[in-house]
Amino acid sequence: MLYDADFLSRLAEGVKSLAPVWGYSREADLRLLTISENATFLVEDSQAGRKIIVRVHRPDYHSRQEILSELAWIDALRQDAVVETPRPITALDGSLLQSFSDGATQRYAVAFDHMAGKEPDAESDLVKWYGALGEINARLHVHSRAWIRPASFARKIWNFDHIIGPHAYWGDWRQALGLTHDGKATLERTVALLERQTSSYGYQPDRFGLVHCDMRAANLLVEGDRLGVIDFDDCGLSWFAYDFAASISFIEHEPYVPDLMAAWLEGYRRTAPFDKDQEEALPMLIMLRRMQLTAWIASHAETPTAQSMGTAYTDGTVALAERYLAAQS
């Protein structure tokens, strides 16, 4: 298992070795917060009453330039007051990107201000918060269309080919945990349909551009009336409507999803236009995202999220695919 106790201990030591570059002692309190694509730590100086979040990147995923490009967009969004999101922290020497060696592997690390709050859940009126999220998405997309990116800007392209096609970044959906022969046949038909549909939908700049790509509840922080957004690690070029599909990651099957979609659309349209073609593309993009996550669970089986989902998520994907195919016939 990649993220076993010994490995996490080595990552923690690496973060401790970096703490002084941000003005913290090696003896500062350190706590692992999450393990997903990356490992995220809280570094806290309790005596001074300050704390930061340190994200340790999974190797061989994002390049140095891709990470710096993410931080450049976050900085632009903050400067233009588009979204409330934590500030990337520079080291004492002014640099944003740090690294440490984990044996033979060099790992990138970045630090952010700590943002207070908790993720919205079914008990905290998700519909209300998805209406607010729609407004945030609209502002973000308006900014995305207008922002002049730095010449060195580089982020991944999340199109069909790289989501569930032959060059998928998150692995082959055919390796899905517990996928049966009949289930594979159903998903093969679904993939063929999605490839045709996404090609027909197209990649025109009015519907395809720079997006967050992972605004699910785990990356939202509620405090009072504020909805903050964190973790731009998957931001890249994709369909604007894909931001909603990503926002319901792992809950695509829940009966309240239509209510979340209606609230998100209403919130979005309070701020910017969202035409009928984009709205009609939402079920297609939700199915596309669901299959992408099914592949992610298989290729990241060592993570707590993947372990909690297991083969049941694959079975659910097949069931959703069967309903999707029936609705398209």
C-alpha atoms as a PDB file:
ATOM      1  CA  MET A   1       0.000   0.000   0.000  1.00  0.00           C
ATOM      2  CA  LEU A   2       1.404   3.380  -1.012  1.00  0.00           C
ATOM      3  CA  TYR A   3       0.065   5.384   1.932  1.00  0.00           C
ATOM      4  CA  ASP A   4       1.039   3.063   4.773  1.00  0.00           C
ATOM      5  CA  ALA A   5       2.144   4.359   8.175  1.00  0.00           C
ATOM      6  CA  ASP A   6       5.862   4.256   7.345  1.00  0.00           C
ATOM      7  CA  PHE A   7       5.365   6.144   4.108  1.00  0.00           C
ATOM      8  CA  LEU A   8       3.208   8.800   5.747  1.00  0.00           C
ATOM      9  CA  SER A   9       5.843   9.180   8.440  1.00  0.00           C
ATOM     10  CA  ARG A  10       8.448   9.903   5.749  1.00  0.00           C
ATOM     11  CA  LEU A  11       6.160  12.490   4.163  1.00  0.00           C
ATOM     12  CA  ALA A  12       5.632  14.119   7.558  1.00  0.00           C
ATOM     13  CA  GLU A  13       9.402  14.307   8.066  1.00  0.00           C
ATOM     14  CA  GLY A  14       9.714  15.938   4.663  1.00  0.00           C
ATOM     15  CA  VAL A  15       7.139  18.587   5.583  1.00  0.00           C
ATOM     16  CA  LYS A  16       8.908  19.199   8.913  1.00  0.00           C
ATOM     17  CA  SER A  17      12.175  19.720   7.033  1.00  0.00           C
ATOM     18  CA  LEU A  18      10.460  22.390   4.930  1.00  0.00           C
ATOM     19  CA  ALA A  19       8.709  24.178   7.798  1.00  0.00           C
ATOM     20  CA  PRO A  20      11.535  26.722   8.303  1.00  0.00           C
ATOM     21  CA  VAL A  21      11.243  27.982   4.696  1.00  0.00           C
ATOM     22  CA  TRP A  22       7.797  29.369   5.658  1.00  0.00           C
ATOM     23  CA  GLY A  23       9.016  30.692   8.992  1.00  0.00           C
ATOM     24  CA  TYR A  24       7.876  27.767  11.130  1.00  0.00           C
ATOM     25  CA  SER A  25       9.952  25.658  13.478  1.00  0.00           C
ATOM     26  CA  ARG A  26      10.691  22.034  12.666  1.00  0.00           C
ATOM     27  CA  GLU A  27       9.021  21.362  16.007  1.00  0.00           C
ATOM     28  CA  ALA A  28       5.727  22.974  14.968  1.00  0.00           C
ATOM     29  CA  ASP A  29       2.634  20.827  15.399  1.00  0.00           C
ATOM     30  CA  LEU A  30       1.979  18.711  12.314  1.00  0.00           C
ATOM     31  CA  ARG A  31      -1.191  16.805  11.463  1.00  0.00           C
ATOM     32  CA  LEU A  32      -2.202  14.820   8.389  1.00  0.00           C
ATOM     33  CA  LEU A  33      -5.563  16.099   7.113  1.00  0.00           C
ATOM     34  CA  THR A  34      -6.348  14.171   3.933  1.00  0.00           C
ATOM     35  CA  ILE A  35      -4.958  11.643   1.499  1.00  0.00           C
ATOM     36  CA  SER A  36      -6.346  11.730  -2.012  1.00  0.00           C
ATOM     37  CA  GLU A  37      -4.395  12.625  -5.136  1.00  0.00           C
ATOM     38  CA  ASN A  38      -1.988  14.325  -2.725  1.00  0.00           C
ATOM     39  CA  ALA A  39      -1.249  14.290   0.993  1.00  0.00           C
ATOM     40  CA  THR A  40      -2.329  17.416   2.861  1.00  0.00           C
ATOM     41  CA  PHE A  41      -0.930  18.494   6.233  1.00  0.00           C
ATOM     42  CA  LEU A  42      -1.748  21.167   8.796  1.00  0.00           C
ATOM     43  CA  VAL A  43       1.307  22.939  10.228  1.00  0.00           C
ATOM     44  CA  GLU A  44       0.529  24.957  13.344  1.00  0.00           C
ATOM     45  CA  ASP A  45       2.466  27.210  15.662  1.00  0.00           C
ATOM     46  CA  SER A  46       0.041  27.154  18.573  1.00  0.00           C
ATOM     47  CA  GLN A  47       2.033  29.673  20.642  1.00  0.00           C
ATOM     48  CA  ALA A  48       1.987  32.281  17.866  1.00  0.00           C
ATOM     49  CA  GLY A  49      -1.578  31.371  16.892  1.00  0.00           C
ATOM     50  CA  ARG A  50      -0.860  30.791  13.218  1.00  0.00           C
ATOM     51  CA  LYS A  51      -1.183  27.833  10.872  1.00  0.00           C
ATOM     52  CA  ILE A  52      -0.798  26.888   7.244  1.00  0.00           C
ATOM     53  CA  ILE A  53      -1.833  24.034   4.984  1.00  0.00           C
ATOM     54  CA  VAL A  54       0.908  22.144   3.134  1.00  0.00           C
ATOM     55  CA  ARG A  55       0.019  20.061   0.106  1.00  0.00           C
ATOM     56  CA  VAL A  56       2.531  17.364  -0.843  1.00  0.00           C
ATOM     57  CA  HIS A  57       2.084  16.424  -4.480  1.00  0.00           C
ATOM     58  CA  ARG A  58       1.856  12.929  -5.841  1.00  0.00           C
ATOM     59  CA  PRO A  59       4.917  12.396  -8.067  1.00  0.00           C
ATOM     60  CA  ASP A  60       4.687  12.115 -11.870  1.00  0.00           C
ATOM     61  CA  TYR A  61       1.325  13.853 -12.087  1.00  0.00           C
ATOM     62  CA  HIS A  62       1.740  17.635 -12.312  1.00  0.00           C
ATOM     63  CA  SER A  63       4.902  19.253 -13.616  1.00  0.00           C
ATOM     64  CA  ARG A  64       6.580  22.167 -11.888  1.00  0.00           C
ATOM     65  CA  GLN A  65       5.111  24.532 -14.484  1.00  0.00           C
ATOM     66  CA  GLU A  66       1.617  23.106 -14.074  1.00  0.00           C
ATOM     67  CA  ILE A  67       1.698  23.684 -10.318  1.00  0.00           C
ATOM     68  CA  LEU A  68       2.973  27.241 -10.721  1.00  0.00           C
ATOM     69  CA  SER A  69       0.242  27.868 -13.301  1.00  0.00           C
ATOM     70  CA  GLU A  70      -2.416  26.728 -10.832  1.00  0.00           C
ATOM     71  CA  LEU A  71      -1.034  29.167  -8.266  1.00  0.00           C
ATOM     72  CA  ALA A  72      -0.985  31.967 -10.844  1.00  0.00           C
ATOM     73  CA  TRP A  73      -4.688  31.483 -11.532  1.00  0.00           C
ATOM     74  CA  ILE A  74      -5.517  31.358  -7.820  1.00  0.00           C
ATOM     75  CA  ASP A  75      -3.641  34.628  -7.368  1.00  0.00           C
ATOM     76  CA  ALA A  76      -5.564  36.240 -10.234  1.00  0.00           C
ATOM     77  CA  LEU A  77      -8.908  35.020  -8.859  1.00  0.00           C
ATOM     78  CA  ARG A  78      -8.065  36.415  -5.430  1.00  0.00           C
ATOM     79  CA  GLN A  79      -6.898  39.762  -6.802  1.00  0.00           C
ATOM     80  CA  ASP A  80     -10.119  40.141  -8.788  1.00  0.00           C
ATOM     81  CA  ALA A  81     -12.283  39.012  -5.821  1.00  0.00           C
ATOM     82  CA  VAL A  82     -13.871  36.242  -7.889  1.00  0.00           C
ATOM     83  CA  VAL A  83     -13.884  33.545  -5.212  1.00  0.00           C
ATOM     84  CA  GLU A  84     -12.854  33.233  -1.586  1.00  0.00           C
ATOM     85  CA  THR A  85      -9.957  30.796  -1.633  1.00  0.00           C
ATOM     86  CA  PRO A  86      -6.792  30.456   0.457  1.00  0.00           C
ATOM     87  CA  ARG A  87      -3.725  32.462  -0.494  1.00  0.00           C
ATOM     88  CA  PRO A  88      -0.655  30.534  -1.674  1.00  0.00           C
ATOM     89  CA  ILE A  89       2.165  31.172   0.798  1.00  0.00           C
ATOM     90  CA  THR A  90       5.581  32.236  -0.403  1.00  0.00           C
ATOM     91  CA  ALA A  91       8.692  31.043   1.372  1.00  0.00           C
ATOM     92  CA  LEU A  92      10.978  33.503   3.107  1.00  0.00           C
ATOM     93  CA  ASP A  93      13.006  33.691  -0.126  1.00  0.00           C
ATOM     94  CA  GLY A  94       9.863  34.558  -2.152  1.00  0.00           C
ATOM     95  CA  SER A  95       9.472  31.173  -3.851  1.00  0.00           C
ATOM     96  CA  LEU A  96       6.101  29.400  -4.098  1.00  0.00           C
ATOM     97  CA  LEU A  97       7.099  25.852  -4.915  1.00  0.00           C
ATOM     98  CA  GLN A  98       9.229  23.744  -2.583  1.00  0.00           C
ATOM     99  CA  SER A  99      10.492  20.182  -2.776  1.00  0.00           C
ATOM    100  CA  PHE A 100      12.018  17.476  -0.629  1.00  0.00           C
ATOM    101  CA  SER A 101      13.382  14.022  -1.260  1.00  0.00           C
ATOM    102  CA  ASP A 102      11.511  10.934  -0.141  1.00  0.00           C
ATOM    103  CA  GLY A 103      14.279   8.441  -0.690  1.00  0.00           C
ATOM    104  CA  ALA A 104      14.661   8.241  -4.459  1.00  0.00           C
ATOM    105  CA  THR A 105      11.564  10.385  -5.149  1.00  0.00           C
ATOM    106  CA  GLN A 106      11.520  14.163  -5.296  1.00  0.00           C
ATOM    107  CA  ARG A 107       8.226  15.587  -4.074  1.00  0.00           C
ATOM    108  CA  TYR A 108       6.812  19.045  -4.686  1.00  0.00           C
ATOM    109  CA  ALA A 109       5.070  20.887  -1.870  1.00  0.00           C
ATOM    110  CA  VAL A 110       3.103  24.131  -1.709  1.00  0.00           C
ATOM    111  CA  ALA A 111       1.646  26.006   1.262  1.00  0.00           C
ATOM    112  CA  PHE A 112      -1.627  27.897   1.650  1.00  0.00           C
ATOM    113  CA  ASP A 113      -3.295  30.026   4.275  1.00  0.00           C
ATOM    114  CA  HIS A 114      -5.573  28.023   6.519  1.00  0.00           C
ATOM    115  CA  MET A 115      -9.266  28.658   5.781  1.00  0.00           C
ATOM    116  CA  ALA A 116     -11.762  28.016   8.555  1.00  0.00           C
ATOM    117  CA  GLY A 117     -15.033  26.223   7.993  1.00  0.00           C
ATOM    118  CA  LYS A 118     -16.517  22.813   7.313  1.00  0.00           C
ATOM    119  CA  GLU A 119     -17.745  21.125   4.186  1.00  0.00           C
ATOM    120  CA  PRO A 120     -21.480  21.367   3.488  1.00  0.00           C
ATOM    121  CA  ASP A 121     -23.408  18.161   3.962  1.00  0.00           C
ATOM    122  CA  ALA A 122     -26.947  16.842   3.769  1.00  0.00           C
ATOM    123  CA  GLU A 123     -27.646  18.318   7.204  1.00  0.00           C
ATOM    124  CA  SER A 124     -26.486  21.830   6.234  1.00  0.00           C
ATOM    125  CA  ASP A 125     -28.935  22.523   3.394  1.00  0.00           C
ATOM    126  CA  LEU A 126     -26.930  21.400   0.386  1.00  0.00           C
ATOM    127  CA  VAL A 127     -29.468  22.923  -1.993  1.00  0.00           C
ATOM    128  CA  LYS A 128     -28.799  26.389  -0.573  1.00  0.00           C
ATOM    129  CA  TRP A 129     -25.046  25.983  -0.888  1.00  0.00           C
ATOM    130  CA  TYR A 130     -25.239  24.624  -4.439  1.00  0.00           C
ATOM    131  CA  GLY A 131     -27.151  27.752  -5.370  1.00  0.00           C
ATOM    132  CA  ALA A 132     -24.229  29.768  -3.980  1.00  0.00           C
ATOM    133  CA  LEU A 133     -21.828  27.463  -5.788  1.00  0.00           C
ATOM    134  CA  GLY A 134     -23.599  28.179  -9.068  1.00  0.00           C
ATOM    135  CA  GLU A 135     -22.956  31.887  -8.554  1.00  0.00           C
ATOM    136  CA  ILE A 136     -19.300  31.208  -7.780  1.00  0.00           C
ATOM    137  CA  ASN A 137     -18.951  29.016 -10.859  1.00  0.00           C
ATOM    138  CA  ALA A 138     -20.468  31.709 -13.043  1.00  0.00           C
ATOM    139  CA  ARG A 139     -18.036  34.337 -11.756  1.00  0.00           C
ATOM    140  CA  LEU A 140     -15.145  31.949 -12.152  1.00  0.00           C
ATOM    141  CA  HIS A 141     -16.096  31.127 -15.759  1.00  0.00           C
ATOM    142  CA  VAL A 142     -16.551  34.780 -16.684  1.00  0.00           C
ATOM    143  CA  HIS A 143     -13.079  35.430 -15.274  1.00  0.00           C
ATOM    144  CA  SER A 144     -11.662  32.396 -17.068  1.00  0.00           C
ATOM    145  CA  ARG A 145     -12.876  33.616 -20.449  1.00  0.00           C
ATOM    146  CA  ALA A 146     -11.415  37.089 -19.962  1.00  0.00           C
ATOM    147  CA  TRP A 147      -8.171  36.322 -18.115  1.00  0.00           C
ATOM    148  CA  ILE A 148      -4.998  36.676 -20.161  1.00  0.00           C
ATOM    149  CA  ARG A 149      -2.918  33.707 -19.079  1.00  0.00           C
ATOM    150  CA  PRO A 150       0.844  34.032 -18.608  1.00  0.00           C
ATOM    151  CA  ALA A 151       2.888  32.868 -21.587  1.00  0.00           C
ATOM    152  CA  SER A 152       4.252  30.009 -19.486  1.00  0.00           C
ATOM    153  CA  PHE A 153       0.789  28.838 -18.397  1.00  0.00           C
ATOM    154  CA  ALA A 154       0.345  25.060 -18.609  1.00  0.00           C
ATOM    155  CA  ARG A 155      -2.482  22.921 -17.259  1.00  0.00           C
ATOM    156  CA  LYS A 156      -3.953  19.580 -18.261  1.00  0.00           C
ATOM    157  CA  ILE A 157      -6.686  19.301 -20.874  1.00  0.00           C
ATOM    158  CA  TRP A 158      -9.700  17.378 -19.588  1.00  0.00           C
ATOM    159  CA  ASN A 159     -11.344  16.242 -22.818  1.00  0.00           C
ATOM    160  CA  PHE A 160     -12.827  12.841 -23.630  1.00  0.00           C
ATOM    161  CA  ASP A 161      -9.436  11.425 -24.568  1.00  0.00           C
ATOM    162  CA  HIS A 162      -7.900  12.353 -21.207  1.00  0.00           C
ATOM    163  CA  ILE A 163     -10.963  11.691 -19.023  1.00  0.00           C
ATOM    164  CA  ILE A 164     -11.907   8.135 -20.039  1.00  0.00           C
ATOM    165  CA  GLY A 165     -10.299   7.748 -23.461  1.00  0.00           C
ATOM    166  CA  PRO A 166      -7.029   6.060 -24.430  1.00  0.00           C
ATOM    167  CA  HIS A 167      -4.883   8.689 -22.680  1.00  0.00           C
ATOM    168  CA  ALA A 168      -6.923   8.987 -19.484  1.00  0.00           C
ATOM    169  CA  TYR A 169      -4.899  10.622 -16.712  1.00  0.00           C
ATOM    170  CA  TRP A 170      -6.655   8.646 -13.981  1.00  0.00           C
ATOM    171  CA  GLY A 171      -6.326   5.185 -15.434  1.00  0.00           C
ATOM    172  CA  ASP A 172      -8.352   2.703 -17.460  1.00  0.00           C
ATOM    173  CA  TRP A 173     -11.989   2.318 -16.437  1.00  0.00           C
ATOM    174  CA  ARG A 174     -11.751  -1.334 -17.555  1.00  0.00           C
ATOM    175  CA  GLN A 175      -9.702  -1.959 -14.403  1.00  0.00           C
ATOM    176  CA  ALA A 176     -12.642  -0.915 -12.228  1.00  0.00           C
ATOM    177  CA  LEU A 177     -12.870  -2.865  -8.993  1.00  0.00           C
ATOM    178  CA  GLY A 178     -15.205  -5.851  -9.289  1.00  0.00           C
ATOM    179  CA  LEU A 179     -16.249  -5.080 -12.865  1.00  0.00           C
ATOM    180  CA  THR A 180     -18.109  -8.069 -14.308  1.00  0.00           C
ATOM    181  CA  HIS A 181     -18.211  -9.239 -17.914  1.00  0.00           C
ATOM    182  CA  ASP A 182     -21.760  -7.927 -18.350  1.00  0.00           C
ATOM    183  CA  GLY A 183     -20.880  -4.685 -16.592  1.00  0.00           C
ATOM    184  CA  LYS A 184     -17.915  -4.170 -18.895  1.00  0.00           C
ATOM    185  CA  ALA A 185     -20.159  -4.643 -21.931  1.00  0.00           C
ATOM    186  CA  THR A 186     -22.565  -2.015 -20.591  1.00  0.00           C
ATOM    187  CA  LEU A 187     -19.754   0.446 -19.957  1.00  0.00           C
ATOM    188  CA  GLU A 188     -18.243  -0.227 -23.411  1.00  0.00           C
ATOM    189  CA  ARG A 189     -21.529   0.864 -24.991  1.00  0.00           C
ATOM    190  CA  THR A 190     -21.652   3.888 -22.707  1.00  0.00           C
ATOM    191  CA  VAL A 191     -18.108   4.940 -23.572  1.00  0.00           C
ATOM    192  CA  ALA A 192     -18.811   4.672 -27.299  1.00  0.00           C
ATOM    193  CA  LEU A 193     -21.919   6.839 -26.872  1.00  0.00           C
ATOM    194  CA  LEU A 194     -20.115   9.410 -24.732  1.00  0.00           C
ATOM    195  CA  GLU A 195     -17.318   9.670 -27.274  1.00  0.00           C
ATOM    196  CA  ARG A 196     -19.815  10.479 -30.011  1.00  0.00           C
ATOM    197  CA  GLN A 197     -21.753  12.874 -27.819  1.00  0.00           C
ATOM    198  CA  THR A 198     -18.753  14.831 -26.550  1.00  0.00           C
ATOM    199  CA  SER A 199     -17.422  15.115 -30.105  1.00  0.00           C
ATOM    200  CA  SER A 200     -20.770  16.469 -31.251  1.00  0.00           C
ATOM    201  CA  TYR A 201     -21.001  18.850 -28.288  1.00  0.00           C
ATOM    202  CA  GLY A 202     -17.612  20.214 -29.217  1.00  0.00           C
ATOM    203  CA  TYR A 203     -14.822  22.282 -27.730  1.00  0.00           C
ATOM    204  CA  GLN A 204     -15.766  25.797 -28.768  1.00  0.00           C
ATOM    205  CA  PRO A 205     -14.490  28.577 -26.466  1.00  0.00           C
ATOM    206  CA  ASP A 206     -18.032  29.459 -25.351  1.00  0.00           C
ATOM    207  CA  ARG A 207     -18.296  26.048 -23.674  1.00  0.00           C
ATOM    208  CA  PHE A 208     -14.715  24.861 -23.129  1.00  0.00           C
ATOM    209  CA  GLY A 209     -12.076  26.723 -21.133  1.00  0.00           C
ATOM    210  CA  LEU A 210     -10.209  26.958 -17.837  1.00  0.00           C
ATOM    211  CA  VAL A 211     -12.277  25.468 -14.982  1.00  0.00           C
ATOM    212  CA  HIS A 212     -11.791  24.292 -11.394  1.00  0.00           C
ATOM    213  CA  CYS A 213     -12.822  20.713 -12.233  1.00  0.00           C
ATOM    214  CA  ASP A 214     -13.276  19.482  -8.631  1.00  0.00           C
ATOM    215  CA  MET A 215     -15.735  21.671  -6.693  1.00  0.00           C
ATOM    216  CA  ARG A 216     -17.196  18.740  -4.779  1.00  0.00           C
ATOM    217  CA  ALA A 217     -18.354  19.208  -1.203  1.00  0.00           C
ATOM    218  CA  ALA A 218     -14.979  18.096   0.200  1.00  0.00           C
ATOM    219  CA  ASN A 219     -13.412  21.132  -1.499  1.00  0.00           C
ATOM    220  CA  LEU A 220     -15.944  23.638  -0.168  1.00  0.00           C
ATOM    221  CA  LEU A 221     -15.763  25.321   3.247  1.00  0.00           C
ATOM    222  CA  VAL A 222     -18.776  26.931   4.886  1.00  0.00           C
ATOM    223  CA  GLU A 223     -18.424  29.454   7.695  1.00  0.00           C
ATOM    224  CA  GLY A 224     -21.466  31.576   8.435  1.00  0.00           C
ATOM    225  CA  ASP A 225     -22.738  32.849   5.086  1.00  0.00           C
ATOM    226  CA  ARG A 226     -19.404  32.380   3.349  1.00  0.00           C
ATOM    227  CA  LEU A 227     -18.768  29.543   0.892  1.00  0.00           C
ATOM    228  CA  GLY A 228     -15.033  29.148   0.320  1.00  0.00           C
ATOM    229  CA  VAL A 229     -13.447  27.033  -2.397  1.00  0.00           C
ATOM    230  CA  ILE A 230     -10.193  25.143  -1.952  1.00  0.00           C
ATOM    231  CA  ASP A 231      -7.977  22.759  -3.939  1.00  0.00           C
ATOM    232  CA  PHE A 232      -7.451  23.916  -7.520  1.00  0.00           C
ATOM    233  CA  ASP A 233      -5.117  20.945  -8.032  1.00  0.00           C
ATOM    234  CA  ASP A 234      -7.239  19.530 -10.892  1.00  0.00           C
ATOM    235  CA  CYS A 235      -7.982  22.838 -12.591  1.00  0.00           C
ATOM    236  CA  GLY A 236      -7.474  22.722 -16.324  1.00  0.00           C
ATOM    237  CA  LEU A 237      -9.151  23.099 -19.683  1.00  0.00           C
ATOM    238  CA  SER A 238     -12.516  21.388 -19.899  1.00  0.00           C
ATOM    239  CA  TRP A 239     -16.180  22.073 -20.496  1.00  0.00           C
ATOM    240  CA  PHE A 240     -17.598  24.825 -18.283  1.00  0.00           C
ATOM    241  CA  ALA A 241     -20.575  22.564 -17.537  1.00  0.00           C
ATOM    242  CA  TYR A 242     -18.134  19.912 -16.310  1.00  0.00           C
ATOM    243  CA  ASP A 243     -17.722  21.972 -13.151  1.00  0.00           C
ATOM    244  CA  PHE A 244     -21.215  20.920 -12.080  1.00  0.00           C
ATOM    245  CA  ALA A 245     -20.557  17.267 -12.956  1.00  0.00           C
ATOM    246  CA  ALA A 246     -17.415  17.365 -10.807  1.00  0.00           C
ATOM    247  CA  SER A 247     -19.275  19.089  -7.972  1.00  0.00           C
ATOM    248  CA  ILE A 248     -21.441  15.985  -7.399  1.00  0.00           C
ATOM    249  CA  SER A 249     -18.510  13.558  -7.433  1.00  0.00           C
ATOM    250  CA  PHE A 250     -19.293  10.339  -5.557  1.00  0.00           C
ATOM    251  CA  ILE A 251     -22.960  11.316  -4.999  1.00  0.00           C
ATOM    252  CA  GLU A 252     -24.163  11.117  -8.626  1.00  0.00           C
ATOM    253  CA  HIS A 253     -26.698   8.440  -7.676  1.00  0.00           C
ATOM    254  CA  GLU A 254     -28.338  10.320  -4.801  1.00  0.00           C
ATOM    255  CA  PRO A 255     -32.031  11.203  -5.237  1.00  0.00           C
ATOM    256  CA  TYR A 256     -31.424  14.853  -4.309  1.00  0.00           C
ATOM    257  CA  VAL A 257     -29.006  15.498  -7.227  1.00  0.00           C
ATOM    258  CA  PRO A 258     -31.767  17.024  -9.444  1.00  0.00           C
ATOM    259  CA  ASP A 259     -32.452  19.543  -6.671  1.00  0.00           C
ATOM    260  CA  LEU A 260     -28.742  20.397  -6.481  1.00  0.00           C
ATOM    261  CA  MET A 261     -28.628  20.839 -10.259  1.00  0.00           C
ATOM    262  CA  ALA A 262     -31.680  23.120 -10.258  1.00  0.00           C
ATOM    263  CA  ALA A 263     -30.171  25.250  -7.476  1.00  0.00           C
ATOM    264  CA  TRP A 264     -26.789  25.404  -9.218  1.00  0.00           C
ATOM    265  CA  LEU A 265     -28.392  26.470 -12.511  1.00  0.00           C
ATOM    266  CA  GLU A 266     -30.499  29.110 -10.797  1.00  0.00           C
ATOM    267  CA  GLY A 267     -27.464  30.488  -8.988  1.00  0.00           C
ATOM    268  CA  TYR A 268     -25.360  30.453 -12.133  1.00  0.00           C
ATOM    269  CA  ARG A 269     -27.988  32.275 -14.176  1.00  0.00           C
ATOM    270  CA  ARG A 270     -28.311  34.975 -11.536  1.00  0.00           C
ATOM    271  CA  THR A 271     -24.745  35.906 -12.442  1.00  0.00           C
ATOM    272  CA  ALA A 272     -24.113  34.896 -16.071  1.00  0.00           C
ATOM    273  CA  PRO A 273     -25.878  33.167 -18.988  1.00  0.00           C
ATOM    274  CA  PHE A 274     -25.904  29.377 -19.163  1.00  0.00           C
ATOM    275  CA  ASP A 275     -27.539  28.340 -22.408  1.00  0.00           C
ATOM    276  CA  LYS A 276     -29.843  25.403 -23.064  1.00  0.00           C
ATOM    277  CA  ASP A 277     -27.181  23.419 -24.923  1.00  0.00           C
ATOM    278  CA  GLN A 278     -24.935  23.503 -21.861  1.00  0.00           C
ATOM    279  CA  GLU A 279     -27.802  22.539 -19.571  1.00  0.00           C
ATOM    280  CA  GLU A 280     -28.737  19.615 -21.812  1.00  0.00           C
ATOM    281  CA  ALA A 281     -25.097  18.451 -21.734  1.00  0.00           C
ATOM    282  CA  LEU A 282     -25.112  18.038 -17.943  1.00  0.00           C
ATOM    283  CA  PRO A 283     -26.339  14.386 -17.851  1.00  0.00           C
ATOM    284  CA  MET A 284     -23.680  13.447 -20.417  1.00  0.00           C
ATOM    285  CA  LEU A 285     -20.931  15.106 -18.413  1.00  0.00           C
ATOM    286  CA  ILE A 286     -22.155  13.585 -15.148  1.00  0.00           C
ATOM    287  CA  MET A 287     -21.918  10.118 -16.715  1.00  0.00           C
ATOM    288  CA  LEU A 288     -18.475  10.958 -18.071  1.00  0.00           C
ATOM    289  CA  ARG A 289     -17.296  12.095 -14.638  1.00  0.00           C
ATOM    290  CA  ARG A 290     -18.752   9.027 -12.944  1.00  0.00           C
ATOM    291  CA  MET A 291     -16.754   6.760 -15.240  1.00  0.00           C
ATOM    292  CA  GLN A 292     -13.629   8.825 -14.663  1.00  0.00           C
ATOM    293  CA  LEU A 293     -14.012   8.428 -10.908  1.00  0.00           C
ATOM    294  CA  THR A 294     -14.579   4.697 -11.304  1.00  0.00           C
ATOM    295  CA  ALA A 295     -11.184   4.515 -13.014  1.00  0.00           C
ATOM    296  CA  TRP A 296      -9.655   6.763 -10.336  1.00  0.00           C
ATOM    297  CA  ILE A 297     -10.796   4.436  -7.556  1.00  0.00           C
ATOM    298  CA  ALA A 298      -9.043   1.519  -9.276  1.00  0.00           C
ATOM    299  CA  SER A 299      -5.804   3.432  -9.940  1.00  0.00           C
ATOM    300  CA  HIS A 300      -5.774   4.996  -6.446  1.00  0.00           C
ATOM    301  CA  ALA A 301      -6.932   1.937  -4.521  1.00  0.00           C
ATOM    302  CA  GLU A 302      -4.542   2.761  -1.654  1.00  0.00           C
ATOM    303  CA  THR A 303      -6.415   5.964  -0.715  1.00  0.00           C
ATOM    304  CA  PRO A 304      -9.096   6.073   2.000  1.00  0.00           C
ATOM    305  CA  THR A 305     -11.642   7.455  -0.478  1.00  0.00           C
ATOM    306  CA  ALA A 306     -11.136   4.570  -2.886  1.00  0.00           C
ATOM    307  CA  GLN A 307     -11.230   2.026  -0.079  1.00  0.00           C
ATOM    308  CA  SER A 308     -14.502   3.428   1.230  1.00  0.00           C
ATOM    309  CA  MET A 309     -16.102   3.198  -2.222  1.00  0.00           C
ATOM    310  CA  GLY A 310     -14.805  -0.195  -3.358  1.00  0.00           C
ATOM    311  CA  THR A 311     -16.720  -2.456  -5.724  1.00  0.00           C
ATOM    312  CA  ALA A 312     -20.064  -0.922  -4.736  1.00  0.00           C
ATOM    313  CA  TYR A 313     -19.118   2.228  -6.638  1.00  0.00           C
ATOM    314  CA  THR A 314     -18.411   0.162  -9.761  1.00  0.00           C
ATOM    315  CA  ASP A 315     -21.791  -1.560  -9.438  1.00  0.00           C
ATOM    316  CA  GLY A 316     -23.433   1.831  -9.089  1.00  0.00           C
ATOM    317  CA  THR A 317     -21.639   3.100 -12.189  1.00  0.00           C
ATOM    318  CA  VAL A 318     -22.964   0.187 -14.232  1.00  0.00           C
ATOM    319  CA  ALA A 319     -26.489   0.846 -12.936  1.00  0.00           C
ATOM    320  CA  LEU A 320     -26.227   4.539 -13.820  1.00  0.00           C
ATOM    321  CA  ALA A 321     -24.867   3.617 -17.258  1.00  0.00           C
ATOM    322  CA  GLU A 322     -27.815   1.291 -17.894  1.00  0.00           C
ATOM    323  CA  ARG A 323     -30.231   4.090 -17.067  1.00  0.00           C
ATOM    324  CA  TYR A 324     -28.254   6.559 -19.165  1.00  0.00           C
ATOM    325  CA  LEU A 325     -28.291   4.268 -22.200  1.00  0.00           C
ATOM    326  CA  ALA A 326     -32.028   3.672 -21.786  1.00  0.00           C
ATOM    327  CA  ALA A 327     -32.682   7.413 -21.612  1.00  0.00           C
ATOM    328  CA  GLN A 328     -30.736   8.014 -24.830  1.00  0.00           C
ATOM    329  CA  SER A 329     -32.487   5.317 -26.860  1.00  0.00           C
END
